[in-house]
Amino acid sequence: FASLQTLCRQAIQKNIVHRMALDWLELP
């Protein structure tokens, strides 16, 4: 089973156009 960290990463990546868009998200 995937770790919670991996599940969070996959959920975030599915909802962004490209990973560089992460800079505009309010995330740690």
mmCIF file of all heavy atoms, coordinates in Angstrom:
data_MODEL
# 
_entry.id   MODEL 
# 
loop_
_atom_site.group_PDB 
_atom_site.id 
_atom_site.type_symbol 
_atom_site.label_atom_id 
_atom_site.label_alt_id 
_atom_site.label_comp_id 
_atom_site.label_asym_id 
_atom_site.label_entity_id 
_atom_site.label_seq_id 
_atom_site.pdbx_PDB_ins_code 
_atom_site.Cartn_x 
_atom_site.Cartn_y 
_atom_site.Cartn_z 
_atom_site.occupancy 
_atom_site.B_iso_or_equiv 
_atom_site.pdbx_formal_charge 
_atom_site.auth_seq_id 
_atom_site.auth_comp_id 
_atom_site.auth_asym_id 
_atom_site.auth_atom_id 
_atom_site.pdbx_PDB_model_num 
ATOM 1   N N   . PHE A 1 1  ? 0.845  -1.187 0.000   1.00 0.00 ? 1  PHE A N   1 
ATOM 2   C CA  . PHE A 1 1  ? 0.000  0.000  0.000   1.00 0.00 ? 1  PHE A CA  1 
ATOM 3   C C   . PHE A 1 1  ? 0.883  1.240  0.000   1.00 0.00 ? 1  PHE A C   1 
ATOM 4   O O   . PHE A 1 1  ? 1.872  1.309  0.722   1.00 0.00 ? 1  PHE A O   1 
ATOM 5   C CB  . PHE A 1 1  ? -0.913 -0.003 1.233   1.00 0.00 ? 1  PHE A CB  1 
ATOM 6   C CG  . PHE A 1 1  ? -1.946 -1.086 1.209   1.00 0.00 ? 1  PHE A CG  1 
ATOM 7   C CD1 . PHE A 1 1  ? -1.827 -2.183 2.045   1.00 0.00 ? 1  PHE A CD1 1 
ATOM 8   C CD2 . PHE A 1 1  ? -3.018 -1.026 0.343   1.00 0.00 ? 1  PHE A CD2 1 
ATOM 9   C CE1 . PHE A 1 1  ? -2.773 -3.191 2.028   1.00 0.00 ? 1  PHE A CE1 1 
ATOM 10  C CE2 . PHE A 1 1  ? -3.971 -2.030 0.309   1.00 0.00 ? 1  PHE A CE2 1 
ATOM 11  C CZ  . PHE A 1 1  ? -3.849 -3.115 1.155   1.00 0.00 ? 1  PHE A CZ  1 
ATOM 12  N N   . ALA A 1 2  ? 0.510  2.211  -0.816  1.00 0.00 ? 2  ALA A N   1 
ATOM 13  C CA  . ALA A 1 2  ? 1.283  3.445  -0.899  1.00 0.00 ? 2  ALA A CA  1 
ATOM 14  C C   . ALA A 1 2  ? 1.240  4.188  0.431   1.00 0.00 ? 2  ALA A C   1 
ATOM 15  O O   . ALA A 1 2  ? 0.245  4.145  1.157   1.00 0.00 ? 2  ALA A O   1 
ATOM 16  C CB  . ALA A 1 2  ? 0.733  4.334  -2.011  1.00 0.00 ? 2  ALA A CB  1 
ATOM 17  N N   . SER A 1 3  ? 2.327  4.873  0.754   1.00 0.00 ? 3  SER A N   1 
ATOM 18  C CA  . SER A 1 3  ? 2.377  5.653  1.982   1.00 0.00 ? 3  SER A CA  1 
ATOM 19  C C   . SER A 1 3  ? 1.461  6.872  1.853   1.00 0.00 ? 3  SER A C   1 
ATOM 20  O O   . SER A 1 3  ? 1.061  7.274  0.750   1.00 0.00 ? 3  SER A O   1 
ATOM 21  C CB  . SER A 1 3  ? 3.810  6.116  2.254   1.00 0.00 ? 3  SER A CB  1 
ATOM 22  O OG  . SER A 1 3  ? 4.237  7.020  1.238   1.00 0.00 ? 3  SER A OG  1 
ATOM 23  N N   . LEU A 1 4  ? 1.126  7.464  2.992   1.00 0.00 ? 4  LEU A N   1 
ATOM 24  C CA  . LEU A 1 4  ? 0.283  8.663  2.992   1.00 0.00 ? 4  LEU A CA  1 
ATOM 25  C C   . LEU A 1 4  ? 0.965  9.781  2.211   1.00 0.00 ? 4  LEU A C   1 
ATOM 26  O O   . LEU A 1 4  ? 0.314  10.546 1.484   1.00 0.00 ? 4  LEU A O   1 
ATOM 27  C CB  . LEU A 1 4  ? 0.003  9.107  4.427   1.00 0.00 ? 4  LEU A CB  1 
ATOM 28  C CG  . LEU A 1 4  ? -0.873 10.362 4.587   1.00 0.00 ? 4  LEU A CG  1 
ATOM 29  C CD1 . LEU A 1 4  ? -2.240 10.156 3.939   1.00 0.00 ? 4  LEU A CD1 1 
ATOM 30  C CD2 . LEU A 1 4  ? -1.026 10.704 6.068   1.00 0.00 ? 4  LEU A CD2 1 
ATOM 31  N N   . GLN A 1 5  ? 2.281  9.880  2.338   1.00 0.00 ? 5  GLN A N   1 
ATOM 32  C CA  . GLN A 1 5  ? 3.034  10.894 1.612   1.00 0.00 ? 5  GLN A CA  1 
ATOM 33  C C   . GLN A 1 5  ? 2.886  10.705 0.099   1.00 0.00 ? 5  GLN A C   1 
ATOM 34  O O   . GLN A 1 5  ? 2.654  11.663 -0.646  1.00 0.00 ? 5  GLN A O   1 
ATOM 35  C CB  . GLN A 1 5  ? 4.506  10.814 2.015   1.00 0.00 ? 5  GLN A CB  1 
ATOM 36  C CG  . GLN A 1 5  ? 5.365  11.960 1.479   1.00 0.00 ? 5  GLN A CG  1 
ATOM 37  C CD  . GLN A 1 5  ? 6.816  11.809 1.893   1.00 0.00 ? 5  GLN A CD  1 
ATOM 38  O OE1 . GLN A 1 5  ? 7.366  10.709 1.847   1.00 0.00 ? 5  GLN A OE1 1 
ATOM 39  N NE2 . GLN A 1 5  ? 7.432  12.896 2.321   1.00 0.00 ? 5  GLN A NE2 1 
ATOM 40  N N   . THR A 1 6  ? 2.986  9.465  -0.354  1.00 0.00 ? 6  THR A N   1 
ATOM 41  C CA  . THR A 1 6  ? 2.841  9.183  -1.784  1.00 0.00 ? 6  THR A CA  1 
ATOM 42  C C   . THR A 1 6  ? 1.419  9.458  -2.262  1.00 0.00 ? 6  THR A C   1 
ATOM 43  O O   . THR A 1 6  ? 1.203  10.015 -3.347  1.00 0.00 ? 6  THR A O   1 
ATOM 44  C CB  . THR A 1 6  ? 3.216  7.721  -2.077  1.00 0.00 ? 6  THR A CB  1 
ATOM 45  O OG1 . THR A 1 6  ? 4.599  7.523  -1.761  1.00 0.00 ? 6  THR A OG1 1 
ATOM 46  C CG2 . THR A 1 6  ? 2.983  7.372  -3.538  1.00 0.00 ? 6  THR A CG2 1 
ATOM 47  N N   . LEU A 1 7  ? 0.417  9.078  -1.465  1.00 0.00 ? 7  LEU A N   1 
ATOM 48  C CA  . LEU A 1 7  ? -0.972 9.327  -1.844  1.00 0.00 ? 7  LEU A CA  1 
ATOM 49  C C   . LEU A 1 7  ? -1.253 10.822 -1.960  1.00 0.00 ? 7  LEU A C   1 
ATOM 50  O O   . LEU A 1 7  ? -1.957 11.264 -2.875  1.00 0.00 ? 7  LEU A O   1 
ATOM 51  C CB  . LEU A 1 7  ? -1.918 8.681  -0.825  1.00 0.00 ? 7  LEU A CB  1 
ATOM 52  C CG  . LEU A 1 7  ? -1.935 7.145  -0.801  1.00 0.00 ? 7  LEU A CG  1 
ATOM 53  C CD1 . LEU A 1 7  ? -2.789 6.645  0.350   1.00 0.00 ? 7  LEU A CD1 1 
ATOM 54  C CD2 . LEU A 1 7  ? -2.459 6.601  -2.126  1.00 0.00 ? 7  LEU A CD2 1 
ATOM 55  N N   . CYS A 1 8  ? -0.704 11.613 -1.043  1.00 0.00 ? 8  CYS A N   1 
ATOM 56  C CA  . CYS A 1 8  ? -0.865 13.077 -1.111  1.00 0.00 ? 8  CYS A CA  1 
ATOM 57  C C   . CYS A 1 8  ? -0.221 13.612 -2.384  1.00 0.00 ? 8  CYS A C   1 
ATOM 58  O O   . CYS A 1 8  ? -0.801 14.451 -3.083  1.00 0.00 ? 8  CYS A O   1 
ATOM 59  C CB  . CYS A 1 8  ? -0.252 13.739 0.114   1.00 0.00 ? 8  CYS A CB  1 
ATOM 60  S SG  . CYS A 1 8  ? -1.175 13.485 1.653   1.00 0.00 ? 8  CYS A SG  1 
ATOM 61  N N   . ARG A 1 9  ? 0.982  13.136 -2.677  1.00 0.00 ? 9  ARG A N   1 
ATOM 62  C CA  . ARG A 1 9  ? 1.677  13.597 -3.886  1.00 0.00 ? 9  ARG A CA  1 
ATOM 63  C C   . ARG A 1 9  ? 0.876  13.267 -5.132  1.00 0.00 ? 9  ARG A C   1 
ATOM 64  O O   . ARG A 1 9  ? 0.698  14.119 -6.019  1.00 0.00 ? 9  ARG A O   1 
ATOM 65  C CB  . ARG A 1 9  ? 3.059  12.945 -3.970  1.00 0.00 ? 9  ARG A CB  1 
ATOM 66  C CG  . ARG A 1 9  ? 3.775  13.218 -5.293  1.00 0.00 ? 9  ARG A CG  1 
ATOM 67  C CD  . ARG A 1 9  ? 5.148  12.607 -5.316  1.00 0.00 ? 9  ARG A CD  1 
ATOM 68  N NE  . ARG A 1 9  ? 5.147  11.171 -5.164  1.00 0.00 ? 9  ARG A NE  1 
ATOM 69  C CZ  . ARG A 1 9  ? 4.876  10.305 -6.158  1.00 0.00 ? 9  ARG A CZ  1 
ATOM 70  N NH1 . ARG A 1 9  ? 4.566  10.757 -7.350  1.00 0.00 ? 9  ARG A NH1 1 
ATOM 71  N NH2 . ARG A 1 9  ? 4.920  9.011  -5.942  1.00 0.00 ? 9  ARG A NH2 1 
ATOM 72  N N   . GLN A 1 10 ? 0.364  12.056 -5.227  1.00 0.00 ? 10 GLN A N   1 
ATOM 73  C CA  . GLN A 1 10 ? -0.389 11.654 -6.405  1.00 0.00 ? 10 GLN A CA  1 
ATOM 74  C C   . GLN A 1 10 ? -1.676 12.462 -6.553  1.00 0.00 ? 10 GLN A C   1 
ATOM 75  O O   . GLN A 1 10 ? -2.054 12.851 -7.664  1.00 0.00 ? 10 GLN A O   1 
ATOM 76  C CB  . GLN A 1 10 ? -0.700 10.160 -6.337  1.00 0.00 ? 10 GLN A CB  1 
ATOM 77  C CG  . GLN A 1 10 ? 0.532  9.276  -6.478  1.00 0.00 ? 10 GLN A CG  1 
ATOM 78  C CD  . GLN A 1 10 ? 0.228  7.806  -6.267  1.00 0.00 ? 10 GLN A CD  1 
ATOM 79  O OE1 . GLN A 1 10 ? -0.810 7.442  -5.704  1.00 0.00 ? 10 GLN A OE1 1 
ATOM 80  N NE2 . GLN A 1 10 ? 1.142  6.948  -6.705  1.00 0.00 ? 10 GLN A NE2 1 
ATOM 81  N N   . ALA A 1 11 ? -2.347 12.731 -5.431  1.00 0.00 ? 11 ALA A N   1 
ATOM 82  C CA  . ALA A 1 11 ? -3.586 13.511 -5.483  1.00 0.00 ? 11 ALA A CA  1 
ATOM 83  C C   . ALA A 1 11 ? -3.318 14.935 -5.953  1.00 0.00 ? 11 ALA A C   1 
ATOM 84  O O   . ALA A 1 11 ? -4.078 15.495 -6.753  1.00 0.00 ? 11 ALA A O   1 
ATOM 85  C CB  . ALA A 1 11 ? -4.253 13.522 -4.107  1.00 0.00 ? 11 ALA A CB  1 
ATOM 86  N N   . ILE A 1 12 ? -2.227 15.523 -5.493  1.00 0.00 ? 12 ILE A N   1 
ATOM 87  C CA  . ILE A 1 12 ? -1.878 16.889 -5.900  1.00 0.00 ? 12 ILE A CA  1 
ATOM 88  C C   . ILE A 1 12 ? -1.496 16.928 -7.367  1.00 0.00 ? 12 ILE A C   1 
ATOM 89  O O   . ILE A 1 12 ? -1.952 17.793 -8.130  1.00 0.00 ? 12 ILE A O   1 
ATOM 90  C CB  . ILE A 1 12 ? -0.721 17.425 -5.018  1.00 0.00 ? 12 ILE A CB  1 
ATOM 91  C CG1 . ILE A 1 12 ? -1.194 17.616 -3.583  1.00 0.00 ? 12 ILE A CG1 1 
ATOM 92  C CG2 . ILE A 1 12 ? -0.186 18.747 -5.579  1.00 0.00 ? 12 ILE A CG2 1 
ATOM 93  C CD1 . ILE A 1 12 ? -0.075 17.899 -2.604  1.00 0.00 ? 12 ILE A CD1 1 
ATOM 94  N N   . GLN A 1 13 ? -0.685 15.967 -7.793  1.00 0.00 ? 13 GLN A N   1 
ATOM 95  C CA  . GLN A 1 13 ? -0.210 15.976 -9.178  1.00 0.00 ? 13 GLN A CA  1 
ATOM 96  C C   . GLN A 1 13 ? -1.334 15.754 -10.183 1.00 0.00 ? 13 GLN A C   1 
ATOM 97  O O   . GLN A 1 13 ? -1.243 16.223 -11.315 1.00 0.00 ? 13 GLN A O   1 
ATOM 98  C CB  . GLN A 1 13 ? 0.880  14.909 -9.349  1.00 0.00 ? 13 GLN A CB  1 
ATOM 99  C CG  . GLN A 1 13 ? 2.169  15.264 -8.626  1.00 0.00 ? 13 GLN A CG  1 
ATOM 100 C CD  . GLN A 1 13 ? 3.187  14.140 -8.680  1.00 0.00 ? 13 GLN A CD  1 
ATOM 101 O OE1 . GLN A 1 13 ? 2.854  12.983 -8.907  1.00 0.00 ? 13 GLN A OE1 1 
ATOM 102 N NE2 . GLN A 1 13 ? 4.452  14.482 -8.455  1.00 0.00 ? 13 GLN A NE2 1 
ATOM 103 N N   . LYS A 1 14 ? -2.369 15.040 -9.791  1.00 0.00 ? 14 LYS A N   1 
ATOM 104 C CA  . LYS A 1 14 ? -3.495 14.812 -10.698 1.00 0.00 ? 14 LYS A CA  1 
ATOM 105 C C   . LYS A 1 14 ? -4.312 16.079 -10.937 1.00 0.00 ? 14 LYS A C   1 
ATOM 106 O O   . LYS A 1 14 ? -5.068 16.158 -11.905 1.00 0.00 ? 14 LYS A O   1 
ATOM 107 C CB  . LYS A 1 14 ? -4.407 13.720 -10.134 1.00 0.00 ? 14 LYS A CB  1 
ATOM 108 C CG  . LYS A 1 14 ? -3.840 12.312 -10.270 1.00 0.00 ? 14 LYS A CG  1 
ATOM 109 C CD  . LYS A 1 14 ? -4.803 11.297 -9.682  1.00 0.00 ? 14 LYS A CD  1 
ATOM 110 C CE  . LYS A 1 14 ? -4.241 9.882  -9.804  1.00 0.00 ? 14 LYS A CE  1 
ATOM 111 N NZ  . LYS A 1 14 ? -5.152 8.880  -9.189  1.00 0.00 ? 14 LYS A NZ  1 
ATOM 112 N N   . ASN A 1 15 ? -4.163 17.062 -10.073 1.00 0.00 ? 15 ASN A N   1 
ATOM 113 C CA  . ASN A 1 15 ? -5.015 18.253 -10.152 1.00 0.00 ? 15 ASN A CA  1 
ATOM 114 C C   . ASN A 1 15 ? -4.250 19.512 -10.537 1.00 0.00 ? 15 ASN A C   1 
ATOM 115 O O   . ASN A 1 15 ? -4.755 20.624 -10.340 1.00 0.00 ? 15 ASN A O   1 
ATOM 116 C CB  . ASN A 1 15 ? -5.720 18.468 -8.804  1.00 0.00 ? 15 ASN A CB  1 
ATOM 117 C CG  . ASN A 1 15 ? -6.775 17.414 -8.540  1.00 0.00 ? 15 ASN A CG  1 
ATOM 118 O OD1 . ASN A 1 15 ? -7.883 17.472 -9.062  1.00 0.00 ? 15 ASN A OD1 1 
ATOM 119 N ND2 . ASN A 1 15 ? -6.426 16.422 -7.734  1.00 0.00 ? 15 ASN A ND2 1 
ATOM 120 N N   . ILE A 1 16 ? -3.069 19.352 -11.079 1.00 0.00 ? 16 ILE A N   1 
ATOM 121 C CA  . ILE A 1 16 ? -2.328 20.513 -11.565 1.00 0.00 ? 16 ILE A CA  1 
ATOM 122 C C   . ILE A 1 16 ? -1.911 20.268 -13.011 1.00 0.00 ? 16 ILE A C   1 
ATOM 123 O O   . ILE A 1 16 ? -1.753 19.122 -13.444 1.00 0.00 ? 16 ILE A O   1 
ATOM 124 C CB  . ILE A 1 16 ? -1.076 20.805 -10.706 1.00 0.00 ? 16 ILE A CB  1 
ATOM 125 C CG1 . ILE A 1 16 ? -0.134 19.592 -10.674 1.00 0.00 ? 16 ILE A CG1 1 
ATOM 126 C CG2 . ILE A 1 16 ? -1.465 21.225 -9.297  1.00 0.00 ? 16 ILE A CG2 1 
ATOM 127 C CD1 . ILE A 1 16 ? 1.159  19.835 -9.949  1.00 0.00 ? 16 ILE A CD1 1 
ATOM 128 N N   . VAL A 1 17 ? -1.778 21.342 -13.759 1.00 0.00 ? 17 VAL A N   1 
ATOM 129 C CA  . VAL A 1 17 ? -1.398 21.228 -15.166 1.00 0.00 ? 17 VAL A CA  1 
ATOM 130 C C   . VAL A 1 17 ? 0.032  20.730 -15.289 1.00 0.00 ? 17 VAL A C   1 
ATOM 131 O O   . VAL A 1 17 ? 0.343  19.865 -16.107 1.00 0.00 ? 17 VAL A O   1 
ATOM 132 C CB  . VAL A 1 17 ? -1.542 22.593 -15.869 1.00 0.00 ? 17 VAL A CB  1 
ATOM 133 C CG1 . VAL A 1 17 ? -1.057 22.508 -17.313 1.00 0.00 ? 17 VAL A CG1 1 
ATOM 134 C CG2 . VAL A 1 17 ? -2.988 23.062 -15.817 1.00 0.00 ? 17 VAL A CG2 1 
ATOM 135 N N   . HIS A 1 18 ? 0.916  21.282 -14.457 1.00 0.00 ? 18 HIS A N   1 
ATOM 136 C CA  . HIS A 1 18 ? 2.327  20.907 -14.491 1.00 0.00 ? 18 HIS A CA  1 
ATOM 137 C C   . HIS A 1 18 ? 2.900  21.145 -13.117 1.00 0.00 ? 18 HIS A C   1 
ATOM 138 O O   . HIS A 1 18 ? 2.425  21.991 -12.357 1.00 0.00 ? 18 HIS A O   1 
ATOM 139 C CB  . HIS A 1 18 ? 3.076  21.740 -15.543 1.00 0.00 ? 18 HIS A CB  1 
ATOM 140 C CG  . HIS A 1 18 ? 4.514  21.360 -15.662 1.00 0.00 ? 18 HIS A CG  1 
ATOM 141 N ND1 . HIS A 1 18 ? 5.527  22.092 -15.098 1.00 0.00 ? 18 HIS A ND1 1 
ATOM 142 C CD2 . HIS A 1 18 ? 5.104  20.293 -16.252 1.00 0.00 ? 18 HIS A CD2 1 
ATOM 143 C CE1 . HIS A 1 18 ? 6.680  21.503 -15.354 1.00 0.00 ? 18 HIS A CE1 1 
ATOM 144 N NE2 . HIS A 1 18 ? 6.447  20.425 -16.046 1.00 0.00 ? 18 HIS A NE2 1 
ATOM 145 N N   . ARG A 1 19 ? 3.937  20.394 -12.753 1.00 0.00 ? 19 ARG A N   1 
ATOM 146 C CA  . ARG A 1 19 ? 4.455  20.473 -11.391 1.00 0.00 ? 19 ARG A CA  1 
ATOM 147 C C   . ARG A 1 19 ? 5.022  21.833 -11.027 1.00 0.00 ? 19 ARG A C   1 
ATOM 148 O O   . ARG A 1 19 ? 5.151  22.158 -9.857  1.00 0.00 ? 19 ARG A O   1 
ATOM 149 C CB  . ARG A 1 19 ? 5.492  19.386 -11.147 1.00 0.00 ? 19 ARG A CB  1 
ATOM 150 C CG  . ARG A 1 19 ? 6.644  19.340 -12.113 1.00 0.00 ? 19 ARG A CG  1 
ATOM 151 C CD  . ARG A 1 19 ? 7.437  18.058 -11.875 1.00 0.00 ? 19 ARG A CD  1 
ATOM 152 N NE  . ARG A 1 19 ? 8.360  17.788 -12.953 1.00 0.00 ? 19 ARG A NE  1 
ATOM 153 C CZ  . ARG A 1 19 ? 9.650  17.545 -12.782 1.00 0.00 ? 19 ARG A CZ  1 
ATOM 154 N NH1 . ARG A 1 19 ? 10.162 17.583 -11.587 1.00 0.00 ? 19 ARG A NH1 1 
ATOM 155 N NH2 . ARG A 1 19 ? 10.425 17.275 -13.803 1.00 0.00 ? 19 ARG A NH2 1 
ATOM 156 N N   . MET A 1 20 ? 5.385  22.668 -12.036 1.00 0.00 ? 20 MET A N   1 
ATOM 157 C CA  . MET A 1 20 ? 5.862  24.006 -11.701 1.00 0.00 ? 20 MET A CA  1 
ATOM 158 C C   . MET A 1 20 ? 4.740  24.873 -11.127 1.00 0.00 ? 20 MET A C   1 
ATOM 159 O O   . MET A 1 20 ? 4.993  25.884 -10.477 1.00 0.00 ? 20 MET A O   1 
ATOM 160 C CB  . MET A 1 20 ? 6.471  24.668 -12.941 1.00 0.00 ? 20 MET A CB  1 
ATOM 161 C CG  . MET A 1 20 ? 7.715  23.956 -13.465 1.00 0.00 ? 20 MET A CG  1 
ATOM 162 S SD  . MET A 1 20 ? 8.930  23.636 -12.153 1.00 0.00 ? 20 MET A SD  1 
ATOM 163 C CE  . MET A 1 20 ? 9.354  25.304 -11.685 1.00 0.00 ? 20 MET A CE  1 
ATOM 164 N N   . ALA A 1 21 ? 3.474  24.463 -11.369 1.00 0.00 ? 21 ALA A N   1 
ATOM 165 C CA  . ALA A 1 21 ? 2.345  25.207 -10.805 1.00 0.00 ? 21 ALA A CA  1 
ATOM 166 C C   . ALA A 1 21 ? 2.260  25.046 -9.292  1.00 0.00 ? 21 ALA A C   1 
ATOM 167 O O   . ALA A 1 21 ? 1.499  25.766 -8.631  1.00 0.00 ? 21 ALA A O   1 
ATOM 168 C CB  . ALA A 1 21 ? 1.043  24.733 -11.454 1.00 0.00 ? 21 ALA A CB  1 
ATOM 169 N N   . LEU A 1 22 ? 3.029  24.122 -8.742  1.00 0.00 ? 22 LEU A N   1 
ATOM 170 C CA  . LEU A 1 22 ? 3.037  23.927 -7.292  1.00 0.00 ? 22 LEU A CA  1 
ATOM 171 C C   . LEU A 1 22 ? 3.490  25.176 -6.543  1.00 0.00 ? 22 LEU A C   1 
ATOM 172 O O   . LEU A 1 22 ? 3.127  25.392 -5.388  1.00 0.00 ? 22 LEU A O   1 
ATOM 173 C CB  . LEU A 1 22 ? 3.951  22.759 -6.928  1.00 0.00 ? 22 LEU A CB  1 
ATOM 174 C CG  . LEU A 1 22 ? 3.445  21.359 -7.300  1.00 0.00 ? 22 LEU A CG  1 
ATOM 175 C CD1 . LEU A 1 22 ? 4.591  20.364 -7.258  1.00 0.00 ? 22 LEU A CD1 1 
ATOM 176 C CD2 . LEU A 1 22 ? 2.339  20.934 -6.351  1.00 0.00 ? 22 LEU A CD2 1 
ATOM 177 N N   . ASP A 1 23 ? 4.302  26.005 -7.204  1.00 0.00 ? 23 ASP A N   1 
ATOM 178 C CA  . ASP A 1 23 ? 4.826  27.201 -6.545  1.00 0.00 ? 23 ASP A CA  1 
ATOM 179 C C   . ASP A 1 23 ? 3.716  28.158 -6.140  1.00 0.00 ? 23 ASP A C   1 
ATOM 180 O O   . ASP A 1 23 ? 3.901  28.979 -5.232  1.00 0.00 ? 23 ASP A O   1 
ATOM 181 C CB  . ASP A 1 23 ? 5.823  27.914 -7.461  1.00 0.00 ? 23 ASP A CB  1 
ATOM 182 C CG  . ASP A 1 23 ? 7.107  27.108 -7.645  1.00 0.00 ? 23 ASP A CG  1 
ATOM 183 O OD1 . ASP A 1 23 ? 7.454  26.343 -6.731  1.00 0.00 ? 23 ASP A OD1 1 
ATOM 184 O OD2 . ASP A 1 23 ? 7.744  27.233 -8.712  1.00 0.00 ? 23 ASP A OD2 1 
ATOM 185 N N   . TRP A 1 24 ? 2.562  28.074 -6.812  1.00 0.00 ? 24 TRP A N   1 
ATOM 186 C CA  . TRP A 1 24 ? 1.459  28.992 -6.512  1.00 0.00 ? 24 TRP A CA  1 
ATOM 187 C C   . TRP A 1 24 ? 0.464  28.403 -5.504  1.00 0.00 ? 24 TRP A C   1 
ATOM 188 O O   . TRP A 1 24 ? -0.490 29.057 -5.131  1.00 0.00 ? 24 TRP A O   1 
ATOM 189 C CB  . TRP A 1 24 ? 0.725  29.359 -7.797  1.00 0.00 ? 24 TRP A CB  1 
ATOM 190 C CG  . TRP A 1 24 ? 1.510  30.303 -8.660  1.00 0.00 ? 24 TRP A CG  1 
ATOM 191 C CD1 . TRP A 1 24 ? 1.575  31.669 -8.569  1.00 0.00 ? 24 TRP A CD1 1 
ATOM 192 C CD2 . TRP A 1 24 ? 2.399  29.938 -9.715  1.00 0.00 ? 24 TRP A CD2 1 
ATOM 193 N NE1 . TRP A 1 24 ? 2.422  32.179 -9.505  1.00 0.00 ? 24 TRP A NE1 1 
ATOM 194 C CE2 . TRP A 1 24 ? 2.950  31.143 -10.236 1.00 0.00 ? 24 TRP A CE2 1 
ATOM 195 C CE3 . TRP A 1 24 ? 2.779  28.742 -10.294 1.00 0.00 ? 24 TRP A CE3 1 
ATOM 196 C CZ2 . TRP A 1 24 ? 3.847  31.153 -11.284 1.00 0.00 ? 24 TRP A CZ2 1 
ATOM 197 C CZ3 . TRP A 1 24 ? 3.678  28.756 -11.336 1.00 0.00 ? 24 TRP A CZ3 1 
ATOM 198 C CH2 . TRP A 1 24 ? 4.206  29.946 -11.823 1.00 0.00 ? 24 TRP A CH2 1 
ATOM 199 N N   . LEU A 1 25 ? 0.717  27.181 -5.065  1.00 0.00 ? 25 LEU A N   1 
ATOM 200 C CA  . LEU A 1 25 ? -0.189 26.556 -4.105  1.00 0.00 ? 25 LEU A CA  1 
ATOM 201 C C   . LEU A 1 25 ? 0.276  26.840 -2.681  1.00 0.00 ? 25 LEU A C   1 
ATOM 202 O O   . LEU A 1 25 ? 1.467  26.952 -2.404  1.00 0.00 ? 25 LEU A O   1 
ATOM 203 C CB  . LEU A 1 25 ? -0.242 25.038 -4.333  1.00 0.00 ? 25 LEU A CB  1 
ATOM 204 C CG  . LEU A 1 25 ? -0.782 24.567 -5.689  1.00 0.00 ? 25 LEU A CG  1 
ATOM 205 C CD1 . LEU A 1 25 ? -0.775 23.039 -5.752  1.00 0.00 ? 25 LEU A CD1 1 
ATOM 206 C CD2 . LEU A 1 25 ? -2.183 25.092 -5.938  1.00 0.00 ? 25 LEU A CD2 1 
ATOM 207 N N   . GLU A 1 26 ? -0.676 26.962 -1.790  1.00 0.00 ? 26 GLU A N   1 
ATOM 208 C CA  . GLU A 1 26 ? -0.361 27.206 -0.382  1.00 0.00 ? 26 GLU A CA  1 
ATOM 209 C C   . GLU A 1 26 ? -0.121 25.861 0.303   1.00 0.00 ? 26 GLU A C   1 
ATOM 210 O O   . GLU A 1 26 ? -0.972 25.323 1.010   1.00 0.00 ? 26 GLU A O   1 
ATOM 211 C CB  . GLU A 1 26 ? -1.490 27.985 0.290   1.00 0.00 ? 26 GLU A CB  1 
ATOM 212 C CG  . GLU A 1 26 ? -1.677 29.402 -0.271  1.00 0.00 ? 26 GLU A CG  1 
ATOM 213 C CD  . GLU A 1 26 ? -2.760 30.164 0.467   1.00 0.00 ? 26 GLU A CD  1 
ATOM 214 O OE1 . GLU A 1 26 ? -3.353 29.578 1.408   1.00 0.00 ? 26 GLU A OE1 1 
ATOM 215 O OE2 . GLU A 1 26 ? -3.018 31.327 0.108   1.00 0.00 ? 26 GLU A OE2 1 
ATOM 216 N N   . LEU A 1 27 ? 1.064  25.331 0.068   1.00 0.00 ? 27 LEU A N   1 
ATOM 217 C CA  . LEU A 1 27 ? 1.453  24.043 0.634   1.00 0.00 ? 27 LEU A CA  1 
ATOM 218 C C   . LEU A 1 27 ? 2.787  24.194 1.350   1.00 0.00 ? 27 LEU A C   1 
ATOM 219 O O   . LEU A 1 27 ? 3.575  25.092 1.033   1.00 0.00 ? 27 LEU A O   1 
ATOM 220 C CB  . LEU A 1 27 ? 1.589  22.987 -0.476  1.00 0.00 ? 27 LEU A CB  1 
ATOM 221 C CG  . LEU A 1 27 ? 0.322  22.604 -1.242  1.00 0.00 ? 27 LEU A CG  1 
ATOM 222 C CD1 . LEU A 1 27 ? 0.683  21.699 -2.417  1.00 0.00 ? 27 LEU A CD1 1 
ATOM 223 C CD2 . LEU A 1 27 ? -0.658 21.890 -0.311  1.00 0.00 ? 27 LEU A CD2 1 
ATOM 224 N N   . PRO A 1 28 ? 3.056  23.327 2.311   1.00 0.00 ? 28 PRO A N   1 
ATOM 225 C CA  . PRO A 1 28 ? 4.379  23.364 2.965   1.00 0.00 ? 28 PRO A CA  1 
ATOM 226 C C   . PRO A 1 28 ? 5.498  23.183 1.932   1.00 0.00 ? 28 PRO A C   1 
ATOM 227 O O   . PRO A 1 28 ? 5.348  22.418 0.976   1.00 0.00 ? 28 PRO A O   1 
ATOM 228 C CB  . PRO A 1 28 ? 4.315  22.185 3.944   1.00 0.00 ? 28 PRO A CB  1 
ATOM 229 C CG  . PRO A 1 28 ? 2.852  21.959 4.186   1.00 0.00 ? 28 PRO A CG  1 
ATOM 230 C CD  . PRO A 1 28 ? 2.169  22.313 2.901   1.00 0.00 ? 28 PRO A CD  1 
# 
